[in-house]
Amino acid sequence: MVKYWPNNKGIELNNAVVNLFYNTRKKLRYNLSNQTGYYLYIDILNN
């Protein structure tokens, strides 16, 4: 089973949120795009 998101409050959830915002900021700053055939959680920001 693949774990996509933490289920409990705490440092694990906080770190997941920080990583989400960091990756989103990096994608917007460097105009990165998904070059694979898989959908990623930040693909909603595709141009």
N, C-alpha and C. Protein backbone atom coordinates (compact mmCIF):
# COMPACT_ATOMS: atom_id res chain seq x y z
N MET A 1 0.84 -1.18 0.00
CA MET A 1 0.00 0.00 0.00
C MET A 1 0.89 1.24 0.00
N VAL A 2 0.57 2.18 -0.85
CA VAL A 2 1.34 3.42 -0.95
C VAL A 2 0.75 4.44 0.02
N LYS A 3 1.63 5.08 0.78
CA LYS A 3 1.19 6.10 1.73
C LYS A 3 1.39 7.47 1.09
N TYR A 4 0.30 8.15 0.79
CA TYR A 4 0.37 9.45 0.12
C TYR A 4 0.41 10.62 1.09
N TRP A 5 -0.17 10.47 2.26
CA TRP A 5 -0.32 11.59 3.18
C TRP A 5 -0.41 11.07 4.60
N PRO A 6 0.21 11.75 5.56
CA PRO A 6 0.12 11.32 6.96
C PRO A 6 -1.31 11.41 7.47
N ASN A 7 -1.68 10.51 8.35
CA ASN A 7 -3.05 10.47 8.87
C ASN A 7 -3.20 11.17 10.21
N ASN A 8 -2.13 11.42 10.92
CA ASN A 8 -2.20 11.97 12.26
C ASN A 8 -1.57 13.36 12.32
N LYS A 9 -2.02 14.13 13.33
CA LYS A 9 -1.41 15.43 13.57
C LYS A 9 0.00 15.22 14.08
N GLY A 10 0.84 16.21 13.87
CA GLY A 10 2.18 16.13 14.43
C GLY A 10 3.24 16.56 13.45
N ILE A 11 4.45 16.26 13.79
CA ILE A 11 5.60 16.71 13.01
C ILE A 11 5.61 16.10 11.61
N GLU A 12 5.13 14.88 11.48
CA GLU A 12 5.11 14.23 10.16
C GLU A 12 4.19 14.97 9.20
N LEU A 13 3.02 15.35 9.68
CA LEU A 13 2.09 16.12 8.85
C LEU A 13 2.65 17.50 8.54
N ASN A 14 3.23 18.15 9.53
CA ASN A 14 3.83 19.46 9.30
C ASN A 14 4.92 19.40 8.25
N ASN A 15 5.76 18.38 8.31
CA ASN A 15 6.83 18.23 7.32
C ASN A 15 6.27 17.96 5.93
N ALA A 16 5.18 17.20 5.84
CA ALA A 16 4.57 16.93 4.54
C ALA A 16 4.02 18.21 3.92
N VAL A 17 3.41 19.06 4.74
CA VAL A 17 2.88 20.33 4.25
C VAL A 17 4.02 21.25 3.79
N VAL A 18 5.08 21.30 4.57
CA VAL A 18 6.24 22.12 4.19
C VAL A 18 6.82 21.64 2.88
N ASN A 19 6.96 20.33 2.72
CA ASN A 19 7.50 19.79 1.47
C ASN A 19 6.60 20.10 0.28
N LEU A 20 5.29 20.05 0.49
CA LEU A 20 4.36 20.39 -0.58
C LEU A 20 4.54 21.84 -1.03
N PHE A 21 4.60 22.76 -0.07
CA PHE A 21 4.79 24.17 -0.42
C PHE A 21 6.16 24.42 -1.02
N TYR A 22 7.18 23.75 -0.52
CA TYR A 22 8.54 23.92 -1.06
C TYR A 22 8.59 23.46 -2.52
N ASN A 23 8.02 22.29 -2.80
CA ASN A 23 8.03 21.78 -4.18
C ASN A 23 7.20 22.66 -5.11
N THR A 24 6.09 23.19 -4.61
CA THR A 24 5.27 24.08 -5.42
C THR A 24 6.02 25.36 -5.73
N ARG A 25 6.69 25.92 -4.73
CA ARG A 25 7.47 27.14 -4.94
C ARG A 25 8.61 26.90 -5.93
N LYS A 26 9.27 25.77 -5.80
CA LYS A 26 10.37 25.43 -6.70
C LYS A 26 9.86 25.29 -8.13
N LYS A 27 8.69 24.66 -8.29
CA LYS A 27 8.13 24.48 -9.63
C LYS A 27 7.78 25.84 -10.25
N LEU A 28 7.19 26.72 -9.46
CA LEU A 28 6.83 28.04 -9.98
C LEU A 28 8.06 28.88 -10.29
N ARG A 29 9.07 28.79 -9.44
CA ARG A 29 10.27 29.61 -9.62
C ARG A 29 11.08 29.17 -10.84
N TYR A 30 11.26 27.88 -11.01
CA TYR A 30 12.11 27.38 -12.09
C TYR A 30 11.33 26.88 -13.29
N ASN A 31 10.00 27.07 -13.27
CA ASN A 31 9.13 26.66 -14.38
C ASN A 31 9.37 25.20 -14.76
N LEU A 32 9.40 24.34 -13.75
CA LEU A 32 9.61 22.92 -13.97
C LEU A 32 8.33 22.27 -14.46
N SER A 33 8.44 21.30 -15.32
CA SER A 33 7.27 20.57 -15.78
C SER A 33 7.51 19.07 -15.64
N ASN A 34 6.44 18.34 -15.55
CA ASN A 34 6.50 16.89 -15.39
C ASN A 34 6.85 16.27 -16.74
N GLN A 35 7.99 15.61 -16.81
CA GLN A 35 8.45 14.99 -18.05
C GLN A 35 8.16 13.48 -18.08
N THR A 36 7.39 12.99 -17.13
CA THR A 36 7.09 11.56 -17.06
C THR A 36 5.65 11.32 -17.48
N GLY A 37 5.26 10.08 -17.55
CA GLY A 37 3.89 9.72 -17.87
C GLY A 37 3.00 9.62 -16.64
N TYR A 38 3.55 9.97 -15.48
CA TYR A 38 2.80 9.87 -14.23
C TYR A 38 2.31 11.24 -13.79
N TYR A 39 1.12 11.28 -13.19
CA TYR A 39 0.61 12.52 -12.64
C TYR A 39 1.18 12.72 -11.25
N LEU A 40 1.61 13.94 -10.97
CA LEU A 40 2.14 14.29 -9.67
C LEU A 40 1.19 15.26 -8.99
N TYR A 41 1.30 15.38 -7.66
CA TYR A 41 0.39 16.25 -6.93
C TYR A 41 0.57 17.72 -7.27
N ILE A 42 1.69 18.09 -7.90
CA ILE A 42 1.88 19.50 -8.29
C ILE A 42 1.56 19.74 -9.76
N ASP A 43 1.02 18.75 -10.45
CA ASP A 43 0.67 18.92 -11.86
C ASP A 43 -0.49 19.88 -12.05
N ILE A 44 -1.23 20.18 -11.00
CA ILE A 44 -2.34 21.13 -11.12
C ILE A 44 -1.81 22.51 -11.51
N LEU A 45 -0.52 22.75 -11.30
CA LEU A 45 0.07 24.04 -11.62
C LEU A 45 0.67 24.10 -13.01
N ASN A 46 0.46 23.07 -13.81
CA ASN A 46 1.01 23.06 -15.16
C ASN A 46 0.52 24.25 -15.96
N ASN A 47 1.40 24.79 -16.77
CA ASN A 47 1.05 25.96 -17.59
C ASN A 47 0.22 25.54 -18.78
